N, C-alpha and C. Protein backbone atom coordinates (compact mmCIF):
# COMPACT_ATOMS: atom_id res chain seq x y z
N MET A 1 -16.01 -11.77 -10.40
CA MET A 1 -15.91 -11.23 -11.73
C MET A 1 -14.56 -10.55 -11.95
N PHE A 2 -14.13 -9.69 -11.00
CA PHE A 2 -12.82 -9.05 -11.11
C PHE A 2 -11.85 -9.74 -10.17
N LYS A 3 -10.63 -9.89 -10.62
CA LYS A 3 -9.56 -10.35 -9.75
C LYS A 3 -9.03 -9.12 -9.01
N PRO A 4 -8.55 -9.29 -7.78
CA PRO A 4 -7.97 -8.13 -7.10
C PRO A 4 -6.73 -7.66 -7.85
N LEU A 5 -6.61 -6.35 -7.97
CA LEU A 5 -5.44 -5.77 -8.64
C LEU A 5 -4.32 -5.67 -7.63
N SER A 6 -3.25 -6.36 -7.86
CA SER A 6 -2.14 -6.38 -6.92
C SER A 6 -0.84 -6.54 -7.66
N VAL A 7 0.14 -5.74 -7.26
CA VAL A 7 1.46 -5.88 -7.85
C VAL A 7 2.10 -7.16 -7.34
N PHE A 8 1.92 -7.43 -6.05
CA PHE A 8 2.46 -8.64 -5.46
C PHE A 8 1.32 -9.63 -5.29
N ASN A 9 1.51 -10.86 -5.72
CA ASN A 9 0.46 -11.85 -5.55
C ASN A 9 0.86 -12.84 -4.47
N ARG A 10 -0.10 -13.62 -4.01
CA ARG A 10 0.13 -14.57 -2.93
C ARG A 10 0.80 -15.85 -3.40
N HIS A 11 0.73 -16.15 -4.68
CA HIS A 11 1.32 -17.37 -5.19
C HIS A 11 2.67 -17.04 -5.81
N ARG A 12 3.73 -17.51 -5.20
CA ARG A 12 5.07 -17.11 -5.60
C ARG A 12 5.41 -17.48 -7.04
N ASN A 13 4.95 -18.64 -7.50
CA ASN A 13 5.32 -19.09 -8.83
C ASN A 13 4.36 -18.63 -9.91
N ALA A 14 3.22 -18.08 -9.51
CA ALA A 14 2.25 -17.59 -10.48
C ALA A 14 2.62 -16.17 -10.87
N PRO A 15 2.41 -15.80 -12.13
CA PRO A 15 2.74 -14.43 -12.53
C PRO A 15 1.77 -13.43 -11.90
N ALA A 16 2.25 -12.22 -11.67
CA ALA A 16 1.38 -11.16 -11.17
C ALA A 16 0.40 -10.78 -12.27
N LEU A 17 -0.52 -9.90 -11.95
CA LEU A 17 -1.58 -9.54 -12.90
C LEU A 17 -1.15 -8.48 -13.89
N ALA A 18 0.13 -8.35 -14.15
CA ALA A 18 0.63 -7.29 -15.03
C ALA A 18 0.04 -7.40 -16.42
N GLU A 19 -0.18 -8.63 -16.92
CA GLU A 19 -0.70 -8.74 -18.27
C GLU A 19 -2.17 -8.34 -18.35
N ASP A 20 -2.89 -8.43 -17.22
CA ASP A 20 -4.30 -8.04 -17.20
C ASP A 20 -4.48 -6.57 -16.85
N ALA A 21 -3.43 -5.95 -16.31
CA ALA A 21 -3.56 -4.59 -15.78
C ALA A 21 -3.90 -3.56 -16.85
N ASP A 22 -3.57 -3.84 -18.12
CA ASP A 22 -3.86 -2.89 -19.18
C ASP A 22 -5.22 -3.11 -19.83
N ALA A 23 -5.93 -4.15 -19.42
CA ALA A 23 -7.24 -4.41 -20.00
C ALA A 23 -8.18 -3.27 -19.62
N PRO A 24 -9.07 -2.86 -20.52
CA PRO A 24 -9.92 -1.69 -20.25
C PRO A 24 -10.78 -1.82 -19.00
N PHE A 25 -11.29 -3.01 -18.71
CA PHE A 25 -12.15 -3.16 -17.54
C PHE A 25 -11.35 -3.04 -16.25
N PHE A 26 -10.10 -3.50 -16.26
CA PHE A 26 -9.26 -3.35 -15.07
C PHE A 26 -8.89 -1.89 -14.87
N GLN A 27 -8.65 -1.16 -15.94
CA GLN A 27 -8.36 0.27 -15.82
C GLN A 27 -9.58 1.00 -15.26
N LEU A 28 -10.76 0.65 -15.77
CA LEU A 28 -11.99 1.27 -15.27
C LEU A 28 -12.19 0.95 -13.79
N HIS A 29 -11.98 -0.30 -13.42
CA HIS A 29 -12.12 -0.72 -12.04
C HIS A 29 -11.18 0.05 -11.13
N ARG A 30 -9.91 0.19 -11.54
CA ARG A 30 -8.91 0.91 -10.77
C ARG A 30 -9.29 2.38 -10.64
N GLU A 31 -9.72 2.99 -11.73
CA GLU A 31 -10.08 4.42 -11.69
C GLU A 31 -11.34 4.67 -10.85
N MET A 32 -12.30 3.75 -10.90
CA MET A 32 -13.50 3.91 -10.07
C MET A 32 -13.13 3.82 -8.59
N ASN A 33 -12.26 2.87 -8.24
CA ASN A 33 -11.81 2.77 -6.85
C ASN A 33 -11.12 4.04 -6.40
N ARG A 34 -10.26 4.58 -7.25
CA ARG A 34 -9.53 5.81 -6.91
C ARG A 34 -10.51 6.98 -6.79
N LEU A 35 -11.50 7.06 -7.66
CA LEU A 35 -12.49 8.13 -7.62
C LEU A 35 -13.24 8.11 -6.29
N PHE A 36 -13.70 6.94 -5.87
CA PHE A 36 -14.42 6.84 -4.61
C PHE A 36 -13.51 7.14 -3.43
N ASP A 37 -12.26 6.65 -3.47
CA ASP A 37 -11.32 6.96 -2.39
C ASP A 37 -11.10 8.46 -2.26
N ASP A 38 -10.89 9.13 -3.40
CA ASP A 38 -10.68 10.58 -3.38
C ASP A 38 -11.91 11.32 -2.88
N PHE A 39 -13.09 10.89 -3.32
CA PHE A 39 -14.33 11.55 -2.93
C PHE A 39 -14.53 11.47 -1.42
N PHE A 40 -14.42 10.27 -0.85
CA PHE A 40 -14.68 10.11 0.57
C PHE A 40 -13.57 10.66 1.44
N SER A 41 -12.35 10.73 0.94
CA SER A 41 -11.26 11.26 1.75
C SER A 41 -11.38 12.77 1.93
N ASP A 42 -12.16 13.45 1.08
CA ASP A 42 -12.33 14.90 1.20
C ASP A 42 -13.21 15.31 2.38
N PHE A 43 -13.87 14.36 3.04
CA PHE A 43 -14.76 14.69 4.14
C PHE A 43 -14.08 14.70 5.50
N GLY A 44 -12.79 14.45 5.55
CA GLY A 44 -12.05 14.54 6.79
C GLY A 44 -12.14 13.29 7.63
N ALA A 45 -11.74 13.44 8.89
CA ALA A 45 -11.62 12.29 9.79
C ALA A 45 -12.95 11.63 10.07
N SER A 46 -14.05 12.38 10.13
CA SER A 46 -15.33 11.75 10.45
C SER A 46 -15.74 10.75 9.38
N SER A 47 -15.30 10.96 8.13
CA SER A 47 -15.66 10.00 7.09
C SER A 47 -14.85 8.72 7.20
N LEU A 48 -13.73 8.76 7.94
CA LEU A 48 -12.95 7.54 8.12
C LEU A 48 -13.76 6.49 8.87
N LEU A 49 -14.61 6.95 9.77
CA LEU A 49 -15.41 6.02 10.54
C LEU A 49 -16.57 5.46 9.74
N ALA A 50 -16.91 6.11 8.65
CA ALA A 50 -18.02 5.63 7.81
C ALA A 50 -17.52 5.22 6.44
N GLY A 51 -16.23 4.88 6.38
CA GLY A 51 -15.62 4.55 5.09
C GLY A 51 -16.13 3.25 4.53
N GLY A 52 -15.55 2.83 3.40
CA GLY A 52 -16.00 1.64 2.69
C GLY A 52 -15.47 0.37 3.31
N ASP A 53 -15.63 0.23 4.61
CA ASP A 53 -15.08 -0.90 5.33
C ASP A 53 -16.13 -1.72 6.03
N GLY A 54 -17.41 -1.43 5.76
CA GLY A 54 -18.46 -2.12 6.48
C GLY A 54 -18.71 -1.52 7.85
N GLY A 55 -18.16 -0.32 8.12
CA GLY A 55 -18.45 0.37 9.36
C GLY A 55 -17.50 0.06 10.50
N ASN A 56 -16.39 -0.63 10.28
CA ASN A 56 -15.51 -0.95 11.40
C ASN A 56 -14.39 0.05 11.59
N GLY A 57 -14.36 1.14 10.82
CA GLY A 57 -13.37 2.18 11.02
C GLY A 57 -12.08 1.97 10.26
N ALA A 58 -11.93 0.88 9.54
CA ALA A 58 -10.70 0.64 8.78
C ALA A 58 -10.74 1.40 7.46
N ARG A 59 -9.57 1.67 6.91
CA ARG A 59 -9.51 2.43 5.68
C ARG A 59 -8.38 1.90 4.80
N ALA A 60 -8.60 1.89 3.52
CA ALA A 60 -7.57 1.43 2.60
C ALA A 60 -6.44 2.45 2.54
N ILE A 61 -5.23 1.95 2.39
CA ILE A 61 -4.05 2.80 2.29
C ILE A 61 -3.69 2.90 0.81
N ARG A 62 -3.51 4.10 0.31
CA ARG A 62 -3.07 4.28 -1.08
C ARG A 62 -1.57 4.06 -1.14
N MET A 63 -1.14 3.17 -2.03
CA MET A 63 0.27 2.81 -2.10
C MET A 63 0.75 2.82 -3.54
N ASP A 64 2.03 3.16 -3.71
CA ASP A 64 2.70 3.10 -5.01
C ASP A 64 3.91 2.19 -4.88
N TYR A 65 4.14 1.40 -5.94
CA TYR A 65 5.27 0.47 -5.96
C TYR A 65 6.18 0.85 -7.12
N LYS A 66 7.49 0.86 -6.84
CA LYS A 66 8.45 1.18 -7.89
C LYS A 66 9.59 0.18 -7.83
N ASP A 67 9.88 -0.43 -8.99
CA ASP A 67 11.02 -1.34 -9.09
C ASP A 67 12.22 -0.50 -9.49
N LYS A 68 13.20 -0.40 -8.62
CA LYS A 68 14.39 0.43 -8.85
C LYS A 68 15.61 -0.41 -9.23
N GLY A 69 15.39 -1.63 -9.72
CA GLY A 69 16.50 -2.49 -10.11
C GLY A 69 16.93 -3.38 -8.97
N LYS A 70 17.77 -2.87 -8.08
CA LYS A 70 18.25 -3.67 -6.96
C LYS A 70 17.33 -3.58 -5.74
N THR A 71 16.38 -2.66 -5.78
CA THR A 71 15.44 -2.50 -4.67
C THR A 71 14.02 -2.30 -5.20
N ILE A 72 13.08 -2.47 -4.29
CA ILE A 72 11.69 -2.10 -4.57
C ILE A 72 11.33 -1.02 -3.56
N GLU A 73 10.75 0.08 -4.04
CA GLU A 73 10.32 1.15 -3.16
C GLU A 73 8.80 1.12 -3.06
N ILE A 74 8.31 1.21 -1.85
CA ILE A 74 6.88 1.26 -1.60
C ILE A 74 6.60 2.56 -0.87
N GLU A 75 5.68 3.36 -1.41
CA GLU A 75 5.28 4.60 -0.76
C GLU A 75 3.81 4.49 -0.38
N ALA A 76 3.52 4.74 0.89
CA ALA A 76 2.16 4.69 1.41
C ALA A 76 1.76 6.07 1.88
N GLU A 77 0.62 6.55 1.41
CA GLU A 77 0.11 7.86 1.83
C GLU A 77 -0.68 7.69 3.11
N LEU A 78 -0.24 8.38 4.16
CA LEU A 78 -0.87 8.30 5.47
C LEU A 78 -1.12 9.70 6.02
N PRO A 79 -1.98 10.49 5.39
CA PRO A 79 -2.18 11.87 5.84
C PRO A 79 -2.83 11.93 7.22
N GLY A 80 -2.32 12.85 8.04
CA GLY A 80 -2.90 13.05 9.37
C GLY A 80 -2.50 12.01 10.39
N VAL A 81 -1.58 11.10 10.05
CA VAL A 81 -1.15 10.05 10.96
C VAL A 81 0.20 10.45 11.55
N ASP A 82 0.36 10.24 12.85
CA ASP A 82 1.63 10.51 13.51
C ASP A 82 2.57 9.33 13.32
N GLU A 83 3.86 9.62 13.29
CA GLU A 83 4.87 8.58 13.11
C GLU A 83 4.77 7.50 14.18
N ASP A 84 4.43 7.88 15.40
CA ASP A 84 4.33 6.93 16.51
C ASP A 84 3.15 5.98 16.38
N ASP A 85 2.18 6.31 15.52
CA ASP A 85 0.98 5.49 15.36
C ASP A 85 1.08 4.53 14.17
N ILE A 86 2.28 4.37 13.60
CA ILE A 86 2.48 3.49 12.45
C ILE A 86 3.27 2.26 12.88
N ASP A 87 2.84 1.11 12.40
CA ASP A 87 3.54 -0.15 12.68
C ASP A 87 3.78 -0.87 11.36
N VAL A 88 5.03 -1.22 11.08
CA VAL A 88 5.40 -1.96 9.87
C VAL A 88 6.04 -3.25 10.33
N GLU A 89 5.56 -4.38 9.79
CA GLU A 89 6.17 -5.66 10.17
C GLU A 89 6.24 -6.59 8.97
N LEU A 90 7.22 -7.48 9.02
CA LEU A 90 7.43 -8.49 7.98
C LEU A 90 7.39 -9.84 8.67
N ASN A 91 6.48 -10.70 8.21
CA ASN A 91 6.32 -12.03 8.79
C ASN A 91 6.18 -13.03 7.65
N ASP A 92 7.21 -13.85 7.43
CA ASP A 92 7.19 -14.86 6.35
C ASP A 92 6.83 -14.24 5.01
N ASN A 93 7.52 -13.18 4.63
CA ASN A 93 7.33 -12.47 3.36
C ASN A 93 5.97 -11.81 3.23
N LEU A 94 5.25 -11.65 4.33
CA LEU A 94 4.00 -10.89 4.33
C LEU A 94 4.30 -9.55 5.01
N LEU A 95 4.31 -8.48 4.20
CA LEU A 95 4.59 -7.14 4.69
C LEU A 95 3.27 -6.51 5.11
N THR A 96 3.21 -6.00 6.33
CA THR A 96 1.98 -5.40 6.86
C THR A 96 2.27 -4.00 7.37
N ILE A 97 1.44 -3.06 6.93
CA ILE A 97 1.50 -1.68 7.43
C ILE A 97 0.17 -1.44 8.14
N ARG A 98 0.24 -1.04 9.40
CA ARG A 98 -1.00 -0.76 10.14
C ARG A 98 -0.79 0.45 11.02
N GLY A 99 -1.89 1.03 11.42
CA GLY A 99 -1.79 2.19 12.29
C GLY A 99 -3.15 2.71 12.67
N GLU A 100 -3.12 3.90 13.23
CA GLU A 100 -4.35 4.52 13.72
C GLU A 100 -4.25 6.03 13.55
N ARG A 101 -5.35 6.59 13.16
CA ARG A 101 -5.44 8.05 13.04
C ARG A 101 -6.39 8.55 14.12
N LYS A 102 -5.94 9.55 14.85
CA LYS A 102 -6.73 10.10 15.94
C LYS A 102 -7.02 11.57 15.65
N ASP A 103 -8.27 11.94 15.83
CA ASP A 103 -8.66 13.34 15.65
C ASP A 103 -9.51 13.74 16.85
N GLU A 104 -8.96 14.59 17.70
CA GLU A 104 -9.65 15.02 18.90
C GLU A 104 -9.77 16.53 18.89
N GLU A 105 -10.95 17.03 19.25
CA GLU A 105 -11.18 18.47 19.24
C GLU A 105 -12.11 18.84 20.39
N ASP A 106 -11.72 19.84 21.15
CA ASP A 106 -12.56 20.41 22.21
C ASP A 106 -12.85 21.85 21.83
N LYS A 107 -14.12 22.14 21.58
CA LYS A 107 -14.49 23.48 21.14
C LYS A 107 -15.80 23.89 21.84
N ASP A 108 -15.76 25.02 22.51
CA ASP A 108 -16.94 25.57 23.20
C ASP A 108 -17.59 24.55 24.13
N GLY A 109 -16.75 23.79 24.85
CA GLY A 109 -17.29 22.82 25.80
C GLY A 109 -17.79 21.53 25.18
N VAL A 110 -17.64 21.39 23.88
CA VAL A 110 -18.08 20.17 23.19
C VAL A 110 -16.84 19.42 22.71
N SER A 111 -16.79 18.16 23.06
CA SER A 111 -15.66 17.32 22.63
C SER A 111 -16.07 16.48 21.44
N ARG A 112 -15.16 16.39 20.50
CA ARG A 112 -15.40 15.54 19.33
C ARG A 112 -14.15 14.69 19.15
N ARG A 113 -14.37 13.39 19.09
CA ARG A 113 -13.26 12.46 18.90
C ARG A 113 -13.59 11.52 17.77
N ALA A 114 -12.59 11.30 16.92
CA ALA A 114 -12.75 10.32 15.83
C ALA A 114 -11.47 9.50 15.76
N TYR A 115 -11.64 8.21 15.70
CA TYR A 115 -10.51 7.29 15.59
C TYR A 115 -10.74 6.39 14.39
N ALA A 116 -9.69 6.13 13.67
CA ALA A 116 -9.79 5.24 12.52
C ALA A 116 -8.53 4.39 12.46
N SER A 117 -8.71 3.12 12.24
CA SER A 117 -7.56 2.24 12.09
C SER A 117 -7.42 1.86 10.63
N PHE A 118 -6.21 1.48 10.25
CA PHE A 118 -5.98 1.05 8.88
C PHE A 118 -4.96 -0.07 8.91
N GLN A 119 -5.03 -0.89 7.88
CA GLN A 119 -4.07 -1.98 7.73
C GLN A 119 -4.04 -2.40 6.28
N ARG A 120 -2.84 -2.69 5.82
CA ARG A 120 -2.69 -3.23 4.46
C ARG A 120 -1.54 -4.23 4.49
N SER A 121 -1.79 -5.41 3.94
CA SER A 121 -0.79 -6.46 3.89
C SER A 121 -0.57 -6.87 2.45
N MET A 122 0.67 -7.25 2.15
CA MET A 122 0.97 -7.72 0.80
C MET A 122 2.01 -8.82 0.89
N SER A 123 1.86 -9.81 0.06
CA SER A 123 2.83 -10.90 0.00
C SER A 123 3.94 -10.50 -0.96
N LEU A 124 5.17 -10.60 -0.51
CA LEU A 124 6.31 -10.23 -1.33
C LEU A 124 6.74 -11.41 -2.20
N PRO A 125 7.14 -11.16 -3.44
CA PRO A 125 7.47 -12.25 -4.35
C PRO A 125 8.88 -12.82 -4.15
N PHE A 126 9.61 -12.33 -3.15
CA PHE A 126 10.96 -12.82 -2.90
C PHE A 126 11.25 -12.67 -1.41
N ASP A 127 12.27 -13.39 -0.95
CA ASP A 127 12.68 -13.30 0.45
C ASP A 127 13.39 -11.98 0.69
N VAL A 128 13.07 -11.34 1.81
CA VAL A 128 13.67 -10.06 2.17
C VAL A 128 14.26 -10.18 3.56
N ASP A 129 15.47 -9.67 3.73
CA ASP A 129 16.09 -9.60 5.03
C ASP A 129 15.43 -8.47 5.81
N PRO A 130 14.73 -8.77 6.91
CA PRO A 130 14.02 -7.71 7.64
C PRO A 130 14.94 -6.60 8.15
N ASP A 131 16.19 -6.95 8.45
CA ASP A 131 17.13 -5.94 8.96
C ASP A 131 17.60 -4.98 7.87
N ALA A 132 17.41 -5.35 6.60
CA ALA A 132 17.86 -4.51 5.49
C ALA A 132 16.78 -3.56 4.99
N ILE A 133 15.57 -3.68 5.50
CA ILE A 133 14.47 -2.80 5.06
C ILE A 133 14.64 -1.43 5.70
N GLU A 134 14.53 -0.38 4.89
CA GLU A 134 14.59 0.99 5.39
C GLU A 134 13.18 1.57 5.35
N ALA A 135 12.80 2.26 6.43
CA ALA A 135 11.50 2.91 6.51
C ALA A 135 11.70 4.35 6.93
N LYS A 136 11.14 5.28 6.13
CA LYS A 136 11.22 6.70 6.44
C LYS A 136 9.82 7.29 6.35
N PHE A 137 9.51 8.20 7.26
CA PHE A 137 8.19 8.84 7.28
C PHE A 137 8.38 10.35 7.27
N LYS A 138 7.81 11.00 6.25
CA LYS A 138 7.94 12.46 6.13
C LYS A 138 6.69 13.01 5.46
N ASN A 139 6.12 14.06 6.03
CA ASN A 139 4.97 14.76 5.45
C ASN A 139 3.81 13.82 5.10
N GLY A 140 3.54 12.86 5.95
CA GLY A 140 2.40 11.97 5.73
C GLY A 140 2.64 10.85 4.73
N VAL A 141 3.90 10.66 4.31
CA VAL A 141 4.22 9.60 3.35
C VAL A 141 5.25 8.67 3.99
N LEU A 142 4.91 7.38 4.04
CA LEU A 142 5.82 6.35 4.51
C LEU A 142 6.51 5.75 3.31
N LYS A 143 7.84 5.76 3.33
CA LYS A 143 8.62 5.22 2.21
C LYS A 143 9.44 4.04 2.70
N LEU A 144 9.17 2.86 2.12
CA LEU A 144 9.90 1.64 2.45
C LEU A 144 10.81 1.28 1.29
N THR A 145 12.04 0.92 1.59
CA THR A 145 12.98 0.44 0.57
C THR A 145 13.36 -0.99 0.93
N LEU A 146 13.01 -1.91 0.02
CA LEU A 146 13.27 -3.34 0.23
C LEU A 146 14.31 -3.81 -0.77
N PRO A 147 15.46 -4.26 -0.29
CA PRO A 147 16.49 -4.74 -1.22
C PRO A 147 16.10 -6.11 -1.79
N LYS A 148 16.38 -6.29 -3.07
CA LYS A 148 16.15 -7.60 -3.69
C LYS A 148 17.32 -8.51 -3.34
N PRO A 149 17.06 -9.81 -3.19
CA PRO A 149 18.16 -10.72 -2.90
C PRO A 149 19.07 -10.88 -4.12
N PRO A 150 20.37 -11.13 -3.91
CA PRO A 150 21.31 -11.25 -5.03
C PRO A 150 20.95 -12.38 -6.00
N GLU A 151 20.39 -13.49 -5.48
CA GLU A 151 20.04 -14.59 -6.38
C GLU A 151 18.91 -14.22 -7.34
N LEU A 152 18.08 -13.26 -6.96
CA LEU A 152 17.03 -12.80 -7.87
C LEU A 152 17.64 -12.01 -9.02
N GLU A 153 18.66 -11.21 -8.73
CA GLU A 153 19.34 -10.45 -9.79
C GLU A 153 20.07 -11.37 -10.74
N ALA A 154 20.62 -12.48 -10.23
CA ALA A 154 21.36 -13.42 -11.08
C ALA A 154 20.43 -14.13 -12.06
N ARG A 155 19.15 -14.30 -11.70
CA ARG A 155 18.20 -14.97 -12.58
C ARG A 155 17.68 -14.05 -13.68
N THR A 156 17.84 -12.75 -13.53
CA THR A 156 17.34 -11.81 -14.51
C THR A 156 18.38 -11.58 -15.59
N LYS A 157 17.95 -11.72 -16.83
CA LYS A 157 18.86 -11.52 -17.96
C LYS A 157 18.13 -10.70 -19.02
N LYS A 158 18.76 -9.66 -19.48
CA LYS A 158 18.18 -8.84 -20.53
C LYS A 158 18.39 -9.54 -21.88
N ILE A 159 17.35 -9.62 -22.66
CA ILE A 159 17.38 -10.29 -23.97
C ILE A 159 17.33 -9.22 -25.04
N ALA A 160 18.31 -9.26 -25.96
CA ALA A 160 18.37 -8.29 -27.03
C ALA A 160 17.31 -8.59 -28.08
N VAL A 161 16.68 -7.54 -28.59
CA VAL A 161 15.67 -7.67 -29.64
C VAL A 161 16.31 -7.24 -30.95
N GLN A 162 16.20 -8.10 -31.98
CA GLN A 162 16.79 -7.83 -33.26
C GLN A 162 15.72 -7.57 -34.31
N LYS A 163 16.08 -6.81 -35.33
CA LYS A 163 15.14 -6.56 -36.42
C LYS A 163 14.98 -7.82 -37.27
N GLY A 164 13.77 -7.95 -37.86
CA GLY A 164 13.54 -9.01 -38.83
C GLY A 164 13.15 -10.22 -38.17
């Protein structure tokens, strides 16, 4: 019934869902997903193991995409994750962010451990030089900067709009 909402689609020549993104049902769908994500994330690490993943410990990563002209910036929220537990890879224009969150506590002779893994992949609409990608991690936010290829900029032309 609903198509997945994605800025980047898997079919390079097909348009992204930008024209459908403003439809009221897609807005409702997006807001309901965000509401449930926010609700369950308030329960801490133990809820990661019982998240909306069918019980396998995986969790969706909240991401924002920004087109900055010559680059695309992707910000992924990864609260409670250590920098060493994050893996970013690019394979045939498929960008994958994966990692693991560990929560261990020893209190009054009782040990509590919770582990949760996460992964999110997206198909990029253009070729990216893997050596040109910048990745920075600060305060639980991973920021990726992907340069657009020069031939993509050459194909883009601003069209003037005239009155009448």
